[in-house]
């Protein structure tokens, strides 16, 4: 790869790195783990630069490479530091595959459904289904009851 191609690739990737790192950290649950996955994705891009350099949308291509790296590793999450984190890890492992990824890509990174599909290797309809499943699973996992005690009658009625 010549220096012009290297500069072109760097230009196409550099602006998207903060977003990739944010996504990786949210996905893994850890700054260090997320950064390791982001580095692995960058190494994969350097090994096959045309994947990003020749793509019509460099950000989608970069996130797609990340998703491939992430998926090939079994999509682990960060090591649990305490019992609460361990329970969270167990919960995350029970989620439908790719739902968390699709939801994070949609809500945090703002990708539309066709771009999410391109990143995770499916179509827009499947991506929409994954986002919907993620929302349902999240909703089911955080149900609970709350009792509010208020001594002001007007506020209590509200």
N, C-alpha and C. Protein backbone atom coordinates (compact mmCIF):
# COMPACT_ATOMS: atom_id res chain seq x y z
N UNK A 1 0.87 -1.18 0.00
CA UNK A 1 0.00 0.00 0.00
C UNK A 1 0.90 1.23 0.00
N UNK A 2 0.67 2.15 -0.94
CA UNK A 2 1.51 3.35 -1.04
C UNK A 2 1.05 4.40 -0.02
N UNK A 3 1.83 5.47 0.09
CA UNK A 3 1.56 6.48 1.11
C UNK A 3 0.25 7.22 0.85
N UNK A 4 -0.10 7.44 -0.41
CA UNK A 4 -1.37 8.11 -0.72
C UNK A 4 -2.55 7.25 -0.29
N UNK A 5 -2.46 5.94 -0.55
CA UNK A 5 -3.54 5.03 -0.14
C UNK A 5 -3.63 4.96 1.38
N UNK A 6 -2.49 5.01 2.05
CA UNK A 6 -2.47 4.97 3.51
C UNK A 6 -3.15 6.22 4.08
N UNK A 7 -2.83 7.37 3.51
CA UNK A 7 -3.44 8.63 3.96
C UNK A 7 -4.94 8.60 3.70
N UNK A 8 -5.35 8.12 2.53
CA UNK A 8 -6.77 8.02 2.20
C UNK A 8 -7.50 7.11 3.19
N UNK A 9 -6.91 5.97 3.50
CA UNK A 9 -7.52 5.05 4.46
C UNK A 9 -7.59 5.70 5.84
N UNK A 10 -6.54 6.35 6.25
CA UNK A 10 -6.52 7.03 7.56
C UNK A 10 -7.61 8.10 7.62
N UNK A 11 -7.75 8.85 6.54
CA UNK A 11 -8.79 9.88 6.50
C UNK A 11 -10.19 9.27 6.60
N UNK A 12 -10.39 8.15 5.93
CA UNK A 12 -11.71 7.51 5.92
C UNK A 12 -12.05 6.90 7.27
N UNK A 13 -11.06 6.53 8.06
CA UNK A 13 -11.29 5.85 9.34
C UNK A 13 -11.25 6.80 10.53
N UNK A 14 -10.36 7.75 10.52
CA UNK A 14 -10.08 8.58 11.70
C UNK A 14 -11.30 9.25 12.30
N UNK A 15 -12.16 9.81 11.50
CA UNK A 15 -13.33 10.52 12.02
C UNK A 15 -14.36 9.61 12.69
N UNK A 16 -14.27 8.33 12.39
CA UNK A 16 -15.25 7.38 12.94
C UNK A 16 -14.75 6.65 14.19
N UNK A 17 -13.47 6.79 14.51
CA UNK A 17 -12.91 6.06 15.65
C UNK A 17 -13.57 6.40 16.99
N UNK A 18 -13.84 7.66 17.29
CA UNK A 18 -14.50 7.92 18.59
C UNK A 18 -15.84 7.22 18.72
N UNK A 19 -16.58 7.12 17.62
CA UNK A 19 -17.88 6.46 17.64
C UNK A 19 -17.73 4.95 17.76
N UNK A 20 -16.73 4.41 17.08
CA UNK A 20 -16.47 2.98 17.19
C UNK A 20 -16.07 2.62 18.62
N UNK A 21 -15.23 3.43 19.23
CA UNK A 21 -14.81 3.18 20.61
C UNK A 21 -15.99 3.28 21.57
N UNK A 22 -16.85 4.28 21.38
CA UNK A 22 -18.03 4.42 22.23
C UNK A 22 -18.92 3.18 22.12
N UNK A 23 -19.16 2.74 20.90
CA UNK A 23 -19.98 1.55 20.67
C UNK A 23 -19.32 0.32 21.29
N UNK A 24 -18.03 0.16 21.08
CA UNK A 24 -17.30 -1.00 21.61
C UNK A 24 -17.35 -1.03 23.13
N UNK A 25 -17.21 0.11 23.74
CA UNK A 25 -17.26 0.18 25.21
C UNK A 25 -18.65 -0.13 25.73
N UNK A 26 -19.67 0.36 25.05
CA UNK A 26 -21.05 0.07 25.47
C UNK A 26 -21.35 -1.41 25.29
N UNK A 27 -20.86 -1.98 24.22
CA UNK A 27 -21.14 -3.38 23.91
C UNK A 27 -20.44 -4.33 24.88
N UNK A 28 -19.20 -4.03 25.20
CA UNK A 28 -18.43 -4.93 26.07
C UNK A 28 -18.64 -4.64 27.54
N UNK A 29 -19.05 -3.44 27.86
CA UNK A 29 -19.24 -3.08 29.27
C UNK A 29 -17.96 -2.63 29.95
N UNK A 30 -16.92 -2.40 29.19
CA UNK A 30 -15.64 -2.04 29.79
C UNK A 30 -14.83 -1.19 28.81
N UNK A 31 -14.16 -0.18 29.33
CA UNK A 31 -13.32 0.66 28.48
C UNK A 31 -12.17 -0.15 27.90
N UNK A 32 -11.47 -0.90 28.73
CA UNK A 32 -10.29 -1.62 28.23
C UNK A 32 -10.69 -2.72 27.25
N UNK A 33 -11.74 -3.45 27.54
CA UNK A 33 -12.18 -4.50 26.63
C UNK A 33 -12.68 -3.91 25.32
N UNK A 34 -13.46 -2.85 25.40
CA UNK A 34 -13.96 -2.19 24.20
C UNK A 34 -12.83 -1.68 23.33
N UNK A 35 -11.83 -1.08 23.96
CA UNK A 35 -10.70 -0.58 23.19
C UNK A 35 -9.90 -1.71 22.55
N UNK A 36 -9.79 -2.85 23.22
CA UNK A 36 -9.10 -3.99 22.61
C UNK A 36 -9.83 -4.47 21.36
N UNK A 37 -11.15 -4.50 21.41
CA UNK A 37 -11.92 -4.90 20.22
C UNK A 37 -11.81 -3.86 19.11
N UNK A 38 -11.80 -2.60 19.47
CA UNK A 38 -11.63 -1.56 18.46
C UNK A 38 -10.25 -1.68 17.79
N UNK A 39 -9.24 -1.96 18.58
CA UNK A 39 -7.89 -2.15 18.03
C UNK A 39 -7.86 -3.36 17.10
N UNK A 40 -8.51 -4.44 17.52
CA UNK A 40 -8.56 -5.64 16.67
C UNK A 40 -9.26 -5.34 15.34
N UNK A 41 -10.31 -4.53 15.38
CA UNK A 41 -11.00 -4.15 14.15
C UNK A 41 -10.08 -3.31 13.26
N UNK A 42 -9.33 -2.40 13.85
CA UNK A 42 -8.39 -1.58 13.07
C UNK A 42 -7.29 -2.45 12.46
N UNK A 43 -6.83 -3.43 13.21
CA UNK A 43 -5.82 -4.35 12.67
C UNK A 43 -6.39 -5.13 11.48
N UNK A 44 -7.65 -5.51 11.57
CA UNK A 44 -8.30 -6.22 10.46
C UNK A 44 -8.41 -5.30 9.24
N UNK A 45 -8.70 -4.03 9.47
CA UNK A 45 -8.78 -3.07 8.36
C UNK A 45 -7.40 -2.90 7.72
N UNK A 46 -6.36 -2.83 8.54
CA UNK A 46 -5.01 -2.70 7.99
C UNK A 46 -4.60 -3.94 7.19
N UNK A 47 -5.08 -5.10 7.61
CA UNK A 47 -4.78 -6.34 6.89
C UNK A 47 -5.50 -6.39 5.55
N UNK A 48 -6.70 -5.80 5.48
CA UNK A 48 -7.49 -5.77 4.24
C UNK A 48 -8.09 -4.38 4.08
N UNK A 49 -7.27 -3.39 3.70
CA UNK A 49 -7.72 -2.00 3.67
C UNK A 49 -8.83 -1.72 2.67
N UNK A 50 -8.94 -2.50 1.62
CA UNK A 50 -9.96 -2.23 0.61
C UNK A 50 -11.38 -2.34 1.16
N UNK A 51 -11.55 -3.08 2.25
CA UNK A 51 -12.88 -3.23 2.85
C UNK A 51 -13.46 -1.88 3.23
N UNK A 52 -12.63 -1.02 3.77
CA UNK A 52 -13.09 0.32 4.16
C UNK A 52 -12.80 1.34 3.06
N UNK A 53 -11.63 1.26 2.48
CA UNK A 53 -11.21 2.26 1.48
C UNK A 53 -12.16 2.31 0.29
N UNK A 54 -12.64 1.14 -0.17
CA UNK A 54 -13.48 1.08 -1.36
C UNK A 54 -14.98 1.09 -1.05
N UNK A 55 -15.33 1.14 0.21
CA UNK A 55 -16.75 1.08 0.60
C UNK A 55 -17.42 2.44 0.36
N UNK A 56 -18.68 2.43 -0.05
CA UNK A 56 -19.38 3.71 -0.24
C UNK A 56 -19.60 4.46 1.07
N UNK A 57 -19.71 3.74 2.18
CA UNK A 57 -19.90 4.34 3.50
C UNK A 57 -18.85 3.77 4.44
N UNK A 58 -17.80 4.55 4.67
CA UNK A 58 -16.67 4.08 5.47
C UNK A 58 -17.08 3.73 6.91
N UNK A 59 -18.00 4.49 7.47
CA UNK A 59 -18.42 4.22 8.85
C UNK A 59 -19.12 2.87 8.94
N UNK A 60 -20.01 2.59 8.02
CA UNK A 60 -20.69 1.30 8.01
C UNK A 60 -19.68 0.18 7.82
N UNK A 61 -18.73 0.38 6.91
CA UNK A 61 -17.72 -0.64 6.66
C UNK A 61 -16.87 -0.89 7.90
N UNK A 62 -16.47 0.17 8.60
CA UNK A 62 -15.66 0.03 9.81
C UNK A 62 -16.44 -0.70 10.90
N UNK A 63 -17.68 -0.33 11.10
CA UNK A 63 -18.50 -1.00 12.10
C UNK A 63 -18.77 -2.45 11.71
N UNK A 64 -18.87 -2.72 10.42
CA UNK A 64 -19.07 -4.09 9.95
C UNK A 64 -17.85 -4.95 10.25
N UNK A 65 -16.66 -4.39 10.04
CA UNK A 65 -15.43 -5.11 10.39
C UNK A 65 -15.41 -5.37 11.89
N UNK A 66 -15.76 -4.36 12.67
CA UNK A 66 -15.82 -4.55 14.13
C UNK A 66 -16.79 -5.67 14.48
N UNK A 67 -17.96 -5.67 13.87
CA UNK A 67 -18.96 -6.69 14.16
C UNK A 67 -18.43 -8.09 13.82
N UNK A 68 -17.71 -8.20 12.73
CA UNK A 68 -17.12 -9.49 12.36
C UNK A 68 -16.12 -9.96 13.41
N UNK A 69 -15.27 -9.06 13.85
CA UNK A 69 -14.29 -9.38 14.90
C UNK A 69 -15.02 -9.78 16.18
N UNK A 70 -16.00 -8.99 16.56
CA UNK A 70 -16.78 -9.22 17.78
C UNK A 70 -17.49 -10.57 17.72
N UNK A 71 -18.14 -10.86 16.62
CA UNK A 71 -18.89 -12.10 16.47
C UNK A 71 -17.98 -13.32 16.44
N UNK A 72 -16.82 -13.17 15.81
CA UNK A 72 -15.90 -14.31 15.71
C UNK A 72 -15.30 -14.68 17.05
N UNK A 73 -15.34 -13.76 18.01
CA UNK A 73 -14.79 -14.04 19.33
C UNK A 73 -15.83 -14.62 20.28
N UNK A 74 -17.05 -14.78 19.79
CA UNK A 74 -18.11 -15.30 20.64
C UNK A 74 -18.86 -14.22 21.39
N UNK A 75 -18.61 -12.95 21.07
CA UNK A 75 -19.30 -11.81 21.67
C UNK A 75 -19.28 -11.83 23.19
N UNK A 76 -18.08 -11.92 23.77
CA UNK A 76 -18.02 -11.92 25.24
C UNK A 76 -18.25 -10.54 25.80
N UNK A 77 -18.49 -10.48 27.10
CA UNK A 77 -18.61 -9.20 27.79
C UNK A 77 -17.52 -9.13 28.84
N UNK A 78 -17.37 -7.99 29.45
CA UNK A 78 -16.29 -7.78 30.41
C UNK A 78 -16.41 -8.72 31.61
N UNK A 79 -15.29 -8.96 32.24
CA UNK A 79 -15.26 -9.79 33.44
C UNK A 79 -16.02 -9.10 34.56
N UNK A 80 -16.77 -9.87 35.29
CA UNK A 80 -17.57 -9.32 36.38
C UNK A 80 -16.69 -9.02 37.59
N UNK A 81 -16.83 -7.81 38.13
CA UNK A 81 -16.06 -7.41 39.30
C UNK A 81 -16.76 -7.77 40.61
N UNK A 82 -18.09 -7.89 40.59
CA UNK A 82 -18.83 -8.18 41.79
C UNK A 82 -20.06 -9.02 41.44
N UNK A 83 -20.86 -9.35 42.44
CA UNK A 83 -22.00 -10.23 42.19
C UNK A 83 -23.07 -9.56 41.32
N UNK A 84 -23.27 -8.26 41.47
CA UNK A 84 -24.24 -7.56 40.63
C UNK A 84 -23.80 -7.61 39.16
N UNK A 85 -22.52 -7.36 38.92
CA UNK A 85 -21.99 -7.43 37.56
C UNK A 85 -22.08 -8.85 37.02
N UNK A 86 -21.86 -9.83 37.86
CA UNK A 86 -21.95 -11.23 37.43
C UNK A 86 -23.38 -11.56 37.01
N UNK A 87 -24.36 -11.08 37.76
CA UNK A 87 -25.77 -11.31 37.37
C UNK A 87 -26.09 -10.61 36.06
N UNK A 88 -25.54 -9.43 35.87
CA UNK A 88 -25.76 -8.71 34.62
C UNK A 88 -25.16 -9.48 33.45
N UNK A 89 -23.98 -10.06 33.65
CA UNK A 89 -23.34 -10.84 32.60
C UNK A 89 -24.18 -12.07 32.24
N UNK A 90 -24.74 -12.73 33.25
CA UNK A 90 -25.61 -13.88 32.99
C UNK A 90 -26.83 -13.44 32.18
N UNK A 91 -27.40 -12.30 32.55
CA UNK A 91 -28.56 -11.79 31.81
C UNK A 91 -28.20 -11.48 30.36
N UNK A 92 -27.06 -10.82 30.15
CA UNK A 92 -26.64 -10.47 28.79
C UNK A 92 -26.43 -11.71 27.93
N UNK A 93 -25.90 -12.76 28.54
CA UNK A 93 -25.64 -13.97 27.77
C UNK A 93 -26.93 -14.68 27.36
N UNK A 94 -28.05 -14.37 28.02
CA UNK A 94 -29.31 -15.02 27.69
C UNK A 94 -30.11 -14.28 26.62
N UNK A 95 -29.64 -13.12 26.19
CA UNK A 95 -30.37 -12.33 25.20
C UNK A 95 -30.27 -12.96 23.81
N UNK A 96 -31.24 -12.68 22.99
CA UNK A 96 -31.25 -13.15 21.60
C UNK A 96 -30.03 -12.58 20.88
N UNK A 97 -29.30 -13.42 20.12
CA UNK A 97 -28.09 -12.94 19.43
C UNK A 97 -28.37 -11.74 18.53
N UNK A 98 -27.45 -10.80 18.56
CA UNK A 98 -27.45 -9.57 17.75
C UNK A 98 -28.49 -8.54 18.15
N UNK A 99 -29.33 -8.81 19.12
CA UNK A 99 -30.32 -7.81 19.51
C UNK A 99 -29.67 -6.63 20.22
N UNK A 100 -28.77 -6.92 21.13
CA UNK A 100 -28.09 -5.86 21.86
C UNK A 100 -27.29 -4.99 20.89
N UNK A 101 -26.61 -5.64 19.96
CA UNK A 101 -25.82 -4.93 18.98
C UNK A 101 -26.71 -4.01 18.14
N UNK A 102 -27.82 -4.55 17.66
CA UNK A 102 -28.74 -3.76 16.83
C UNK A 102 -29.31 -2.58 17.62
N UNK A 103 -29.68 -2.82 18.87
CA UNK A 103 -30.24 -1.74 19.68
C UNK A 103 -29.21 -0.64 19.94
N UNK A 104 -27.98 -1.03 20.26
CA UNK A 104 -26.94 -0.03 20.49
C UNK A 104 -26.60 0.74 19.21
N UNK A 105 -26.53 0.04 18.10
CA UNK A 105 -26.27 0.72 16.83
C UNK A 105 -27.37 1.72 16.51
N UNK A 106 -28.60 1.38 16.86
CA UNK A 106 -29.74 2.25 16.57
C UNK A 106 -29.83 3.41 17.54
N UNK A 107 -29.79 3.12 18.83
CA UNK A 107 -30.04 4.16 19.83
C UNK A 107 -28.82 5.01 20.16
N UNK A 108 -27.66 4.40 20.25
CA UNK A 108 -26.47 5.16 20.63
C UNK A 108 -25.78 5.76 19.41
N UNK A 109 -25.63 4.95 18.37
CA UNK A 109 -24.89 5.41 17.20
C UNK A 109 -25.77 6.04 16.13
N UNK A 110 -27.09 5.89 16.24
CA UNK A 110 -28.01 6.56 15.33
C UNK A 110 -28.07 5.99 13.92
N UNK A 111 -27.64 4.76 13.75
CA UNK A 111 -27.73 4.14 12.43
C UNK A 111 -29.19 3.83 12.10
N UNK A 112 -29.56 4.00 10.83
CA UNK A 112 -30.90 3.59 10.41
C UNK A 112 -30.90 2.08 10.17
N UNK A 113 -32.08 1.53 9.97
CA UNK A 113 -32.22 0.07 9.89
C UNK A 113 -31.46 -0.56 8.71
N UNK A 114 -31.47 0.04 7.52
CA UNK A 114 -30.68 -0.57 6.43
C UNK A 114 -29.18 -0.61 6.75
N UNK A 115 -28.67 0.44 7.39
CA UNK A 115 -27.24 0.46 7.75
C UNK A 115 -26.94 -0.53 8.86
N UNK A 116 -27.86 -0.70 9.81
CA UNK A 116 -27.67 -1.72 10.85
C UNK A 116 -27.62 -3.09 10.20
N UNK A 117 -28.53 -3.33 9.27
CA UNK A 117 -28.53 -4.60 8.55
C UNK A 117 -27.21 -4.83 7.84
N UNK A 118 -26.68 -3.80 7.18
CA UNK A 118 -25.40 -3.93 6.49
C UNK A 118 -24.27 -4.24 7.47
N UNK A 119 -24.31 -3.64 8.63
CA UNK A 119 -23.26 -3.85 9.63
C UNK A 119 -23.29 -5.28 10.16
N UNK A 120 -24.46 -5.78 10.50
CA UNK A 120 -24.53 -7.10 11.12
C UNK A 120 -24.79 -8.22 10.12
N UNK A 121 -24.87 -7.87 8.85
CA UNK A 121 -24.99 -8.89 7.81
C UNK A 121 -26.38 -9.42 7.59
N UNK A 122 -27.36 -8.53 7.61
CA UNK A 122 -28.74 -8.93 7.37
C UNK A 122 -29.44 -7.81 6.62
N UNK A 123 -30.74 -7.90 6.50
CA UNK A 123 -31.47 -6.83 5.81
C UNK A 123 -32.16 -5.91 6.82
N UNK A 124 -32.77 -4.85 6.30
CA UNK A 124 -33.40 -3.85 7.16
C UNK A 124 -34.56 -4.42 7.96
N UNK A 125 -35.34 -5.32 7.36
CA UNK A 125 -36.47 -5.91 8.07
C UNK A 125 -36.00 -6.75 9.26
N UNK A 126 -34.96 -7.53 9.05
CA UNK A 126 -34.40 -8.33 10.15
C UNK A 126 -33.81 -7.42 11.23
N UNK A 127 -33.14 -6.35 10.81
CA UNK A 127 -32.59 -5.39 11.78
C UNK A 127 -33.70 -4.77 12.61
N UNK A 128 -34.81 -4.43 11.97
CA UNK A 128 -35.96 -3.88 12.71
C UNK A 128 -36.49 -4.89 13.71
N UNK A 129 -36.55 -6.14 13.30
CA UNK A 129 -37.00 -7.19 14.21
C UNK A 129 -36.06 -7.35 15.40
N UNK A 130 -34.76 -7.26 15.15
CA UNK A 130 -33.78 -7.39 16.23
C UNK A 130 -33.90 -6.24 17.23
N UNK A 131 -34.09 -5.03 16.72
CA UNK A 131 -34.27 -3.87 17.61
C UNK A 131 -35.54 -4.06 18.45
N UNK A 132 -36.61 -4.51 17.83
CA UNK A 132 -37.87 -4.72 18.54
C UNK A 132 -37.73 -5.80 19.61
N UNK A 133 -37.06 -6.89 19.27
CA UNK A 133 -36.83 -7.96 20.26
C UNK A 133 -36.00 -7.43 21.42
N UNK A 134 -34.99 -6.63 21.12
CA UNK A 134 -34.15 -6.06 22.18
C UNK A 134 -34.97 -5.19 23.12
N UNK A 135 -35.85 -4.38 22.55
CA UNK A 135 -36.70 -3.53 23.39
C UNK A 135 -37.63 -4.36 24.25
N UNK A 136 -38.18 -5.44 23.69
CA UNK A 136 -39.07 -6.32 24.46
C UNK A 136 -38.30 -7.03 25.56
N UNK A 137 -37.11 -7.53 25.25
CA UNK A 137 -36.30 -8.21 26.27
C UNK A 137 -35.88 -7.25 27.37
N UNK A 138 -35.56 -6.03 26.99
CA UNK A 138 -35.17 -5.04 27.98
C UNK A 138 -36.37 -4.68 28.85
N UNK A 139 -37.51 -4.50 28.24
CA UNK A 139 -38.72 -4.18 28.98
C UNK A 139 -39.08 -5.28 29.97
N UNK A 140 -38.97 -6.52 29.54
CA UNK A 140 -39.30 -7.65 30.40
C UNK A 140 -38.32 -7.79 31.57
N UNK A 141 -37.08 -7.36 31.35
CA UNK A 141 -36.08 -7.54 32.40
C UNK A 141 -36.10 -6.44 33.45
N UNK A 142 -36.76 -5.34 33.19
CA UNK A 142 -36.76 -4.23 34.15
C UNK A 142 -38.14 -3.93 34.71
N UNK A 143 -39.02 -4.89 34.65
CA UNK A 143 -40.33 -4.66 35.25
C UNK A 143 -40.21 -4.71 36.76
N UNK A 144 -41.04 -3.99 37.41
CA UNK A 144 -41.01 -3.96 38.87
C UNK A 144 -42.16 -3.15 39.40
N UNK A 145 -42.21 -3.07 40.69
CA UNK A 145 -43.25 -2.29 41.35
C UNK A 145 -42.60 -1.20 42.18
N UNK A 146 -43.27 -0.07 42.22
CA UNK A 146 -42.77 1.07 42.99
C UNK A 146 -43.92 1.59 43.84
N UNK A 147 -43.64 1.84 45.10
CA UNK A 147 -44.64 2.44 45.97
C UNK A 147 -44.15 3.84 46.34
N UNK A 148 -44.99 4.82 46.08
CA UNK A 148 -44.66 6.19 46.39
C UNK A 148 -45.55 6.62 47.55
N UNK A 149 -44.93 7.17 48.57
CA UNK A 149 -45.67 7.64 49.73
C UNK A 149 -45.61 9.17 49.71
N UNK A 150 -46.79 9.78 49.70
CA UNK A 150 -46.88 11.22 49.64
C UNK A 150 -47.93 11.70 50.63
N UNK A 151 -47.59 12.69 51.46
CA UNK A 151 -48.52 13.17 52.45
C UNK A 151 -49.36 14.37 52.00
N UNK A 152 -49.04 14.94 50.85
CA UNK A 152 -49.84 16.02 50.29
C UNK A 152 -50.93 15.40 49.42
N UNK A 153 -52.21 15.64 49.74
CA UNK A 153 -53.33 14.99 49.06
C UNK A 153 -53.35 15.28 47.55
N UNK A 154 -53.12 16.50 47.16
CA UNK A 154 -53.17 16.85 45.74
C UNK A 154 -52.07 16.13 44.96
N UNK A 155 -50.88 16.13 45.51
CA UNK A 155 -49.77 15.45 44.85
C UNK A 155 -49.99 13.95 44.85
N UNK A 156 -50.50 13.41 45.95
CA UNK A 156 -50.77 11.98 46.04
C UNK A 156 -51.77 11.53 44.98
N UNK A 157 -52.81 12.35 44.74
CA UNK A 157 -53.81 11.99 43.74
C UNK A 157 -53.18 11.98 42.35
N UNK A 158 -52.25 12.85 42.10
CA UNK A 158 -51.57 12.90 40.80
C UNK A 158 -50.74 11.65 40.62
